[in-house]
Amino acid sequence: GASKTLSYHIVIPAGVALNQALKENVFAIIACVQRCVPLAIIGDPGASKTLSYHIVIPAGVALNQALKENVFAIIACVQRCVPLAIIGDPGASKTLSFHIVKANLLGTSSPKEFCQQFDCLDCSHFYQCSEYSTSVEIERVLSAAIQRQEIYDNNTNTNIRVVVFVDEAGLPKKEKSDMALKVLHPYLDECKVAFVAISNRHFDSANQNRMVIVLRSLATREDLEVLALGCLGLEADTVHPRTRQFLLGICEAYLKIVNDEVFKEFFHYRDLVYLLRYIHCQQLSIGGPLRPDMRLLLHALERNFNGIERPQFMRIVEIFTRCIMAELRETDSVLQLEEEDFSSTMTIVSNALKSTQLAQDASNISMMTGHPLSPRFKLIIDPTDDQSAIRLLQQSDLLTTKNSRIFCMSNLPDDLLDVHAAETISEIKFRLERAGTIVLMNSARIYGSLYDLLNQNFPRTEGELSHQ
């Protein structure tokens, strides 16, 4: 209902189509003129290059439409203390956009001259929501941020803007989220500090009416192509035609999957990103330019679009194959898959656990080419009641007492104590600083304390990627 909402608040001349471009332009103009923020609306094909010229974009990150809009909205809003919420599906560059802005807006120390005109951001006031978040915790972060801003304001030699960043703001339990986030109302009205929240679902109306809302819709085919080229480190002007057709087929297949009633709630944007990264990682290890390779794609699908029943997975493979064949406009037998091309479950798990070293090698190569990679954490779904999956991994020597540590929680009274949960989290953090594999079993109770880890939002020692 976004179109109807805008048309309700803004008088649109008769005969004017309220398309996506018009809605975005109207929002940008209102947001900027009300706070005297300079604005240029650029419609030429070089818009992406213009933003990349003024903002340092990390290597291997695709500058697609979602990322550009998120970065613009964050810069415009935090500089004038306009509360902002970015709402979208997982993998829509929400958190990434904030970290890009954070790394660029460093005042006079900013890496680009364009960013040096803005206030330096103090992003130390961060709150990671969980289903157990309370209004007291959120208010404590906001109060501390306001006190810090007052200290900066009293020092006439500093131009620092304090930003409160609330990650995964939609995680609090639905029956409690409205109460937990209700504490935001006076702070959002006063706008004493900048405020950015990201969420996978909408807030209640009272909070949304107090913030600028950037709603991320499903990516277009063109945006997915930009993503694919960026993840693979390719340029649209120089990519081989068949390689481009191969990637367009992947993008088209992804759109079909996320619009499918069976798969749309299971697979998201991030699955496509890691599929493309896997292809890039393999291509770097092999060397040479990327060419259509259905076996490589199959292994990428087994790694990133799995976790479902065999017939459903075969349907996904069929969708990808059919879309790629249509883009290539041929039925080349070389691109056909045979039964022996498919891997067994244990082979998939084994290769996944061994991929950390491969990703490290590829990352060392990509440091020279400018496209660092990171491995994906592994989720093993065990349908049994006796933890057979762990025993199989141990019997296959994929997990040993030397290279792994298993954390298993239960419903026993002692395991349900907060003290036990805190001790488990502390030991997990300790193990993260050492090489090896960490296995979490029946640990849903503590996932809320591990979102930074699960999102891979943690520092790494340069040149090392030793954890699985």
Protein backbone atom coordinates (compact mmCIF):
# COMPACT_ATOMS: atom_id res chain seq x y z
CA GLY A 1 0.00 0.00 0.00
CA ALA A 2 3.00 2.34 -0.29
CA SER A 3 1.67 3.99 -3.47
CA LYS A 4 -1.75 4.63 -1.95
CA THR A 5 -0.14 5.99 1.23
CA LEU A 6 1.89 8.57 -0.69
CA SER A 7 -1.05 9.55 -2.88
CA TYR A 8 -3.11 10.08 0.28
CA HIS A 9 -0.61 12.56 1.74
CA ILE A 10 0.58 14.24 -1.49
CA VAL A 11 -1.56 15.81 -4.23
CA ILE A 12 -0.57 14.07 -7.46
CA PRO A 13 -1.64 15.85 -10.67
CA ALA A 14 -4.19 14.01 -12.77
CA GLY A 15 -2.63 11.84 -15.45
CA VAL A 16 0.70 11.48 -13.61
CA ALA A 17 1.75 7.87 -12.95
CA LEU A 18 2.92 7.29 -9.37
CA ASN A 19 5.79 4.99 -10.28
CA GLN A 20 8.77 3.97 -8.17
CA ALA A 21 11.04 6.70 -9.52
CA LEU A 22 8.52 9.45 -8.75
CA LYS A 23 7.95 8.15 -5.20
CA GLU A 24 11.70 8.03 -4.48
CA ASN A 25 12.29 11.51 -5.91
CA VAL A 26 9.42 13.02 -3.91
CA PHE A 27 10.70 11.42 -0.71
CA ALA A 28 14.27 12.62 -1.32
CA ILE A 29 13.20 16.20 -2.06
CA ILE A 30 10.94 16.47 1.00
CA ALA A 31 13.54 14.96 3.33
CA CYS A 32 16.34 17.20 2.09
CA VAL A 33 14.64 20.57 1.67
CA GLN A 34 13.11 20.37 5.15
CA ARG A 35 16.58 20.00 6.66
CA CYS A 36 18.56 22.10 4.16
CA VAL A 37 20.52 19.08 2.89
CA PRO A 38 21.92 19.66 -0.65
CA LEU A 39 20.40 17.21 -3.10
CA ALA A 40 21.11 16.23 -6.69
CA ILE A 41 18.81 13.82 -8.51
CA ILE A 42 20.89 12.01 -11.09
CA GLY A 43 19.22 9.96 -13.77
CA ASP A 44 22.07 9.20 -16.11
CA PRO A 45 23.69 5.73 -16.44
CA GLY A 46 26.76 6.98 -14.59
CA ALA A 47 24.91 7.45 -11.29
CA SER A 48 26.55 4.41 -9.74
CA LYS A 49 30.00 5.61 -10.69
CA THR A 50 29.16 9.04 -9.22
CA LEU A 51 28.36 7.55 -5.82
CA SER A 52 31.37 5.23 -5.90
CA TYR A 53 33.53 8.29 -6.65
CA HIS A 54 32.39 10.06 -3.47
CA ILE A 55 31.99 7.03 -1.17
CA VAL A 56 34.52 4.27 -0.52
CA ILE A 57 32.72 1.00 -1.27
CA PRO A 58 34.38 -2.17 0.11
CA ALA A 59 35.87 -4.49 -2.47
CA GLY A 60 33.50 -7.20 -3.62
CA VAL A 61 30.36 -5.22 -2.72
CA ALA A 62 27.92 -4.64 -5.57
CA LEU A 63 26.70 -1.05 -5.82
CA ASN A 64 23.10 -1.93 -6.67
CA GLN A 65 19.99 0.22 -6.34
CA ALA A 66 19.17 -0.97 -2.82
CA LEU A 67 22.64 -0.11 -1.51
CA LYS A 68 22.62 3.32 -3.15
CA GLU A 69 19.22 4.24 -1.73
CA ASN A 70 20.12 2.97 1.75
CA VAL A 71 23.42 4.89 1.82
CA PHE A 72 21.76 8.09 0.64
CA ALA A 73 18.94 7.83 3.18
CA ILE A 74 21.35 7.16 6.08
CA ILE A 75 23.65 10.08 5.21
CA ALA A 76 20.75 12.51 4.73
CA CYS A 77 18.95 11.51 7.92
CA VAL A 78 21.84 11.14 10.40
CA GLN A 79 23.31 14.51 9.46
CA ARG A 80 20.05 16.25 10.40
CA CYS A 81 18.94 13.90 13.20
CA VAL A 82 15.91 12.66 11.29
CA PRO A 83 14.94 9.20 12.65
CA LEU A 84 15.25 6.55 9.95
CA ALA A 85 14.08 2.94 9.62
CA ILE A 86 15.09 0.64 6.77
CA ILE A 87 12.72 -2.31 6.38
CA GLY A 88 13.37 -5.22 4.04
CA ASP A 89 14.00 -8.92 3.65
CA PRO A 90 17.26 -10.50 4.89
CA GLY A 91 20.23 -9.69 2.68
CA ALA A 92 18.87 -6.36 1.40
CA SER A 93 22.10 -4.49 2.32
CA LYS A 94 20.54 -2.84 5.37
CA THR A 95 23.31 -3.39 7.93
CA LEU A 96 25.99 -3.23 5.24
CA SER A 97 24.79 0.24 4.19
CA PHE A 98 25.12 1.55 7.74
CA HIS A 99 28.65 0.19 8.11
CA ILE A 100 29.64 1.76 4.78
CA VAL A 101 28.37 5.16 5.94
CA LYS A 102 30.07 4.67 9.31
CA ALA A 103 33.42 3.98 7.60
CA ASN A 104 33.12 7.03 5.33
CA LEU A 105 31.78 9.80 7.56
CA LEU A 106 34.84 10.45 9.70
CA GLY A 107 34.83 14.23 9.56
CA THR A 108 38.08 15.72 8.30
CA SER A 109 39.62 12.23 8.40
CA SER A 110 37.12 10.87 5.86
CA PRO A 111 38.74 8.96 2.98
CA LYS A 112 36.95 11.09 0.37
CA GLU A 113 36.84 14.89 0.15
CA PHE A 114 33.08 14.81 -0.40
CA CYS A 115 32.54 13.17 3.00
CA GLN A 116 34.78 15.62 4.85
CA GLN A 117 32.04 18.28 4.75
CA PHE A 118 29.78 16.16 6.96
CA ASP A 119 29.87 15.68 10.72
CA CYS A 120 31.93 12.82 12.05
CA LEU A 121 29.76 9.96 13.28
CA ASP A 122 30.05 8.40 16.73
CA CYS A 123 28.40 4.99 16.25
CA SER A 124 29.39 3.47 19.57
CA HIS A 125 25.79 3.43 20.83
CA PHE A 126 24.60 0.21 19.26
CA TYR A 127 21.76 -2.02 20.37
CA GLN A 128 21.23 -5.53 19.04
CA CYS A 129 17.59 -6.49 19.49
CA SER A 130 16.48 -9.99 20.39
CA GLU A 131 13.16 -11.56 21.21
CA TYR A 132 13.88 -10.79 24.86
CA SER A 133 14.64 -7.06 24.41
CA THR A 134 13.11 -4.71 26.97
CA SER A 135 12.26 -1.02 27.01
CA VAL A 136 14.72 -0.50 29.89
CA GLU A 137 17.66 -1.74 27.80
CA ILE A 138 16.70 0.41 24.81
CA GLU A 139 16.15 3.51 26.96
CA ARG A 140 19.55 3.02 28.60
CA VAL A 141 21.27 3.16 25.19
CA LEU A 142 19.32 6.24 24.10
CA SER A 143 19.99 8.11 27.35
CA ALA A 144 23.71 7.40 27.15
CA ALA A 145 23.78 8.62 23.54
CA ILE A 146 22.08 11.90 24.46
CA GLN A 147 24.57 12.48 27.27
CA ARG A 148 27.45 11.85 24.89
CA GLN A 149 25.97 14.28 22.34
CA GLU A 150 25.65 16.97 25.02
CA ILE A 151 29.34 16.57 25.82
CA TYR A 152 30.23 17.00 22.15
CA ASP A 153 27.94 20.02 21.80
CA ASN A 154 29.58 21.74 24.77
CA ASN A 155 32.95 21.34 23.07
CA THR A 156 32.97 23.96 20.32
CA ASN A 157 35.99 22.35 18.62
CA THR A 158 34.17 19.16 17.64
CA ASN A 159 31.61 18.42 14.93
CA ILE A 160 30.54 14.96 15.98
CA ARG A 161 27.12 13.44 15.52
CA VAL A 162 26.09 10.61 17.85
CA VAL A 163 24.12 7.86 16.11
CA VAL A 164 22.00 5.23 17.84
CA PHE A 165 21.89 2.12 15.66
CA VAL A 166 19.24 -0.48 16.47
CA ASP A 167 19.82 -3.72 14.58
CA GLU A 168 17.10 -6.34 13.94
CA ALA A 169 14.47 -4.12 15.52
CA GLY A 170 11.74 -6.55 14.49
CA LEU A 171 13.07 -9.41 16.63
CA PRO A 172 11.31 -8.67 19.94
CA LYS A 173 8.37 -11.03 20.39
CA LYS A 174 5.33 -9.63 18.64
CA GLU A 175 3.22 -9.45 21.78
CA LYS A 176 6.06 -7.58 23.54
CA SER A 177 7.65 -5.59 20.68
CA ASP A 178 5.13 -2.74 20.80
CA MET A 179 5.80 -2.24 24.52
CA ALA A 180 9.58 -2.63 24.17
CA LEU A 181 9.77 -0.09 21.32
CA LYS A 182 7.14 2.26 22.76
CA VAL A 183 9.93 3.87 24.77
CA LEU A 184 11.22 5.31 21.48
CA HIS A 185 8.31 7.77 21.12
CA PRO A 186 9.70 10.77 23.10
CA TYR A 187 13.23 10.27 21.77
CA LEU A 188 12.04 10.16 18.17
CA ASP A 189 9.98 13.32 18.76
CA GLU A 190 12.86 15.26 20.32
CA CYS A 191 15.50 14.16 17.76
CA LYS A 192 18.42 15.00 20.06
CA VAL A 193 20.57 12.29 18.47
CA ALA A 194 20.53 10.55 15.11
CA PHE A 195 18.62 7.28 15.07
CA VAL A 196 18.79 4.41 12.55
CA ALA A 197 16.86 1.17 12.91
CA ILE A 198 16.74 -1.81 10.56
CA SER A 199 14.14 -4.52 10.58
CA ASN A 200 12.72 -7.38 8.55
CA ARG A 201 9.15 -6.36 9.33
CA HIS A 202 7.11 -3.20 9.88
CA PHE A 203 6.96 -1.31 13.15
CA ASP A 204 3.71 -0.28 14.77
CA SER A 205 2.06 2.84 13.30
CA ALA A 206 3.01 5.05 16.25
CA ASN A 207 6.73 4.47 15.66
CA GLN A 208 6.58 4.49 11.86
CA ASN A 209 4.83 7.87 11.86
CA ARG A 210 7.80 9.30 13.74
CA MET A 211 10.45 8.06 11.31
CA VAL A 212 11.43 8.22 7.67
CA ILE A 213 10.73 4.73 6.33
CA VAL A 214 12.77 3.16 3.52
CA LEU A 215 10.92 0.05 2.44
CA ARG A 216 12.97 -2.39 0.42
CA SER A 217 10.88 -4.22 -2.14
CA LEU A 218 11.86 -7.28 -4.18
CA ALA A 219 14.89 -6.56 -6.34
CA THR A 220 14.40 -6.11 -10.08
CA ARG A 221 16.12 -8.17 -12.75
CA GLU A 222 18.41 -5.24 -13.58
CA ASP A 223 19.37 -4.79 -9.93
CA LEU A 224 20.16 -8.48 -9.60
CA GLU A 225 22.43 -8.27 -12.65
CA VAL A 226 24.38 -5.45 -10.97
CA LEU A 227 24.62 -7.62 -7.85
CA ALA A 228 25.87 -10.63 -9.80
CA LEU A 229 28.52 -8.63 -11.63
CA GLY A 230 29.66 -6.98 -8.40
CA CYS A 231 29.91 -10.26 -6.46
CA LEU A 232 31.99 -11.78 -9.25
CA GLY A 233 34.20 -8.74 -9.68
CA LEU A 234 33.12 -8.17 -13.27
CA GLU A 235 32.41 -5.00 -15.22
CA ALA A 236 29.31 -4.75 -17.41
CA ASP A 237 31.33 -3.20 -20.24
CA THR A 238 33.95 -5.95 -20.40
CA VAL A 239 32.13 -9.14 -19.36
CA HIS A 240 31.96 -11.88 -22.01
CA PRO A 241 28.47 -12.11 -23.63
CA ARG A 242 27.99 -15.79 -22.70
CA THR A 243 29.07 -15.09 -19.13
CA ARG A 244 26.54 -12.31 -18.93
CA GLN A 245 23.81 -14.57 -20.29
CA PHE A 246 24.79 -17.18 -17.71
CA LEU A 247 24.41 -14.63 -14.92
CA LEU A 248 21.13 -13.30 -16.30
CA GLY A 249 19.80 -16.86 -16.24
CA ILE A 250 20.79 -17.18 -12.57
CA CYS A 251 19.03 -13.89 -11.76
CA GLU A 252 15.88 -14.91 -13.62
CA ALA A 253 15.82 -18.28 -11.83
CA TYR A 254 16.17 -16.56 -8.46
CA LEU A 255 13.19 -14.31 -9.20
CA LYS A 256 11.10 -17.35 -10.09
CA ILE A 257 12.08 -19.09 -6.85
CA VAL A 258 11.33 -16.16 -4.53
CA ASN A 259 7.95 -15.74 -6.22
CA ASP A 260 7.14 -19.43 -5.85
CA GLU A 261 4.62 -20.25 -3.13
CA VAL A 262 6.74 -23.18 -1.91
CA PHE A 263 10.13 -21.46 -1.73
CA LYS A 264 9.50 -17.73 -1.18
CA GLU A 265 9.50 -17.98 2.62
CA PHE A 266 12.56 -20.25 2.70
CA PHE A 267 15.11 -18.59 0.41
CA HIS A 268 16.14 -14.95 0.41
CA TYR A 269 18.52 -12.42 -1.12
CA ARG A 270 21.44 -13.60 0.99
CA ASP A 271 21.23 -17.11 -0.48
CA LEU A 272 21.83 -15.66 -3.95
CA VAL A 273 24.71 -13.52 -2.70
CA TYR A 274 26.50 -16.53 -1.21
CA LEU A 275 25.80 -18.61 -4.29
CA LEU A 276 27.55 -15.97 -6.39
CA ARG A 277 30.41 -15.71 -3.89
CA TYR A 278 30.86 -19.48 -4.03
CA ILE A 279 31.11 -19.34 -7.82
CA HIS A 280 33.61 -16.49 -7.56
CA CYS A 281 35.66 -18.36 -4.97
CA GLN A 282 35.83 -21.46 -7.15
CA GLN A 283 36.66 -19.41 -10.22
CA LEU A 284 39.55 -17.71 -8.40
CA SER A 285 40.96 -21.06 -7.28
CA ILE A 286 40.74 -22.47 -10.83
CA GLY A 287 41.93 -19.34 -12.60
CA GLY A 288 40.89 -17.90 -15.93
CA PRO A 289 37.69 -16.10 -16.93
CA LEU A 290 34.28 -17.31 -15.82
CA ARG A 291 32.34 -19.35 -18.38
CA PRO A 292 28.92 -21.06 -18.17
CA ASP A 293 29.46 -24.16 -16.03
CA MET A 294 26.39 -26.05 -14.90
CA ARG A 295 28.37 -28.41 -12.67
CA LEU A 296 29.85 -25.46 -10.80
CA LEU A 297 26.37 -23.98 -10.49
CA LEU A 298 25.03 -27.31 -9.21
CA HIS A 299 27.63 -27.42 -6.43
CA ALA A 300 26.77 -23.81 -5.55
CA LEU A 301 23.08 -24.74 -5.36
CA GLU A 302 23.83 -27.78 -3.21
CA ARG A 303 25.69 -25.48 -0.82
CA ASN A 304 23.30 -22.50 -0.70
CA PHE A 305 19.82 -23.55 -1.90
CA ASN A 306 19.58 -26.82 -0.01
CA GLY A 307 18.11 -27.96 3.28
CA ILE A 308 14.92 -29.15 1.59
CA GLU A 309 13.59 -32.50 0.41
CA ARG A 310 15.24 -34.06 -2.64
CA PRO A 311 12.25 -33.57 -5.01
CA GLN A 312 12.07 -29.89 -4.10
CA PHE A 313 15.80 -29.44 -4.64
CA MET A 314 15.56 -31.13 -8.03
CA ARG A 315 12.86 -28.64 -8.93
CA ILE A 316 15.18 -25.76 -8.02
CA VAL A 317 17.91 -27.25 -10.22
CA GLU A 318 15.39 -27.56 -13.04
CA ILE A 319 14.36 -23.90 -12.68
CA PHE A 320 17.96 -22.70 -12.83
CA THR A 321 18.80 -24.99 -15.77
CA ARG A 322 15.75 -23.94 -17.76
CA CYS A 323 16.35 -20.20 -17.20
CA ILE A 324 20.04 -20.41 -18.12
CA MET A 325 19.28 -22.44 -21.24
CA ALA A 326 16.71 -19.83 -22.27
CA GLU A 327 19.24 -17.00 -21.87
CA LEU A 328 21.93 -18.89 -23.80
CA ARG A 329 19.32 -19.74 -26.46
CA GLU A 330 20.68 -23.21 -26.96
CA THR A 331 20.44 -26.78 -25.72
CA ASP A 332 24.14 -27.51 -25.55
CA SER A 333 24.69 -31.04 -24.25
CA VAL A 334 27.80 -29.79 -22.45
CA LEU A 335 25.52 -27.81 -20.13
CA GLN A 336 23.30 -30.78 -19.30
CA LEU A 337 23.65 -32.40 -15.88
CA GLU A 338 24.01 -36.13 -15.29
CA GLU A 339 23.08 -38.13 -12.21
CA GLU A 340 26.74 -38.60 -11.24
CA ASP A 341 27.17 -34.80 -11.09
CA PHE A 342 25.02 -34.66 -7.95
CA SER A 343 26.80 -35.02 -4.61
CA SER A 344 25.73 -37.10 -1.65
CA THR A 345 24.72 -35.39 1.56
CA MET A 346 27.95 -36.36 3.33
CA THR A 347 30.02 -35.07 0.42
CA ILE A 348 28.22 -31.73 0.53
CA VAL A 349 28.77 -31.43 4.29
CA SER A 350 32.40 -32.50 3.98
CA ASN A 351 33.15 -29.96 1.25
CA ALA A 352 31.33 -27.26 3.21
CA LEU A 353 33.41 -27.87 6.34
CA LYS A 354 36.60 -27.89 4.31
CA SER A 355 35.69 -24.70 2.43
CA THR A 356 37.18 -22.38 5.03
CA GLN A 357 40.72 -23.13 3.85
CA LEU A 358 39.63 -22.76 0.23
CA ALA A 359 38.00 -19.42 1.03
CA GLN A 360 41.19 -18.32 2.80
CA ASP A 361 43.32 -19.19 -0.23
CA ALA A 362 40.87 -17.44 -2.57
CA SER A 363 40.75 -14.45 -0.24
CA ASN A 364 44.54 -14.15 -0.33
CA ILE A 365 44.34 -14.14 -4.13
CA SER A 366 41.45 -11.69 -4.15
CA MET A 367 43.36 -9.22 -1.96
CA MET A 368 45.37 -8.52 -5.09
CA THR A 369 42.32 -8.37 -7.34
CA GLY A 370 40.19 -6.45 -4.85
CA HIS A 371 37.43 -8.95 -4.04
CA PRO A 372 37.76 -10.49 -0.55
CA LEU A 373 35.54 -13.43 0.30
CA SER A 374 34.19 -14.96 3.46
CA PRO A 375 32.83 -18.47 4.05
CA ARG A 376 29.26 -19.10 5.09
CA PHE A 377 28.28 -20.78 8.32
CA LYS A 378 26.78 -24.24 7.92
CA LEU A 379 23.31 -25.31 9.04
CA ILE A 380 22.74 -29.06 9.31
CA ILE A 381 19.12 -30.11 9.78
CA ASP A 382 18.96 -33.36 11.75
CA PRO A 383 15.46 -34.93 11.60
CA THR A 384 16.36 -37.64 14.15
CA ASP A 385 15.85 -37.52 17.90
CA ASP A 386 19.17 -39.10 18.88
CA GLN A 387 21.65 -36.60 17.31
CA SER A 388 22.67 -39.03 14.57
CA ALA A 389 24.10 -36.23 12.42
CA ILE A 390 26.82 -35.42 14.95
CA ARG A 391 27.82 -39.08 15.27
CA LEU A 392 28.04 -39.41 11.49
CA LEU A 393 30.29 -36.36 11.29
CA GLN A 394 32.50 -37.75 14.05
CA GLN A 395 32.67 -41.22 12.48
CA SER A 396 33.67 -39.61 9.19
CA ASP A 397 36.44 -37.66 10.97
CA LEU A 398 34.86 -34.37 9.87
CA LEU A 399 34.57 -33.46 13.54
CA THR A 400 37.23 -34.48 16.02
CA THR A 401 37.91 -33.58 19.62
CA LYS A 402 41.05 -31.80 18.43
CA ASN A 403 39.52 -29.45 15.87
CA SER A 404 35.98 -28.93 17.18
CA ARG A 405 33.99 -27.95 20.25
CA ILE A 406 30.34 -28.95 20.64
CA PHE A 407 27.95 -26.81 22.69
CA CYS A 408 24.72 -28.62 23.51
CA MET A 409 21.91 -27.17 25.58
CA SER A 410 18.86 -29.00 26.89
CA ASN A 411 15.62 -28.45 28.78
CA LEU A 412 17.07 -29.71 32.04
CA PRO A 413 16.55 -27.27 34.93
CA ASP A 414 20.24 -26.34 35.23
CA ASP A 415 20.52 -25.63 31.48
CA LEU A 416 17.55 -23.26 31.63
CA LEU A 417 19.28 -21.00 34.15
CA ASP A 418 20.49 -17.62 32.87
CA VAL A 419 23.85 -18.28 34.52
CA HIS A 420 24.37 -21.37 32.38
CA ALA A 421 23.42 -19.46 29.21
CA ALA A 422 25.88 -16.67 30.10
CA GLU A 423 28.68 -19.18 30.73
CA THR A 424 27.99 -20.89 27.40
CA ILE A 425 28.07 -17.59 25.50
CA SER A 426 31.30 -16.61 27.23
CA GLU A 427 32.98 -19.88 26.26
CA ILE A 428 31.75 -19.55 22.66
CA LYS A 429 33.37 -16.11 22.45
CA PHE A 430 36.57 -17.55 23.89
CA ARG A 431 36.58 -20.36 21.29
CA LEU A 432 35.96 -17.90 18.46
CA GLU A 433 39.40 -16.43 19.00
CA ARG A 434 40.99 -19.78 18.22
CA ALA A 435 41.09 -21.92 15.12
CA GLY A 436 38.63 -24.75 14.84
CA THR A 437 34.98 -25.61 14.38
CA ILE A 438 32.19 -24.66 16.78
CA VAL A 439 29.03 -26.78 16.76
CA LEU A 440 25.84 -25.43 18.36
CA MET A 441 23.11 -27.95 19.19
CA ASN A 442 19.67 -27.13 20.62
CA SER A 443 20.99 -23.65 21.31
CA ALA A 444 18.04 -21.53 20.15
CA ARG A 445 17.85 -19.90 23.59
CA ILE A 446 21.15 -18.09 23.11
CA TYR A 447 20.91 -17.19 19.41
CA GLY A 448 19.68 -13.73 20.39
CA SER A 449 23.12 -13.05 21.91
CA LEU A 450 24.96 -14.27 18.82
CA TYR A 451 23.45 -12.18 16.00
CA ASP A 452 26.69 -10.28 15.43
CA LEU A 453 28.46 -13.62 15.08
CA LEU A 454 25.79 -15.11 12.81
CA ASN A 455 25.88 -11.98 10.64
CA GLN A 456 29.69 -12.23 10.56
CA ASN A 457 29.86 -8.73 12.00
CA PHE A 458 33.17 -9.15 13.77
CA PRO A 459 36.80 -8.15 13.13
CA ARG A 460 39.27 -10.57 11.56
CA THR A 461 43.03 -10.61 11.78
CA GLU A 462 44.34 -9.45 8.42
CA GLY A 463 45.32 -12.39 6.23
CA GLU A 464 43.64 -14.96 8.48
CA LEU A 465 40.28 -16.66 8.18
CA SER A 466 40.60 -19.59 10.51
CA HIS A 467 37.14 -20.14 12.00
CA GLN A 468 34.30 -22.29 10.67
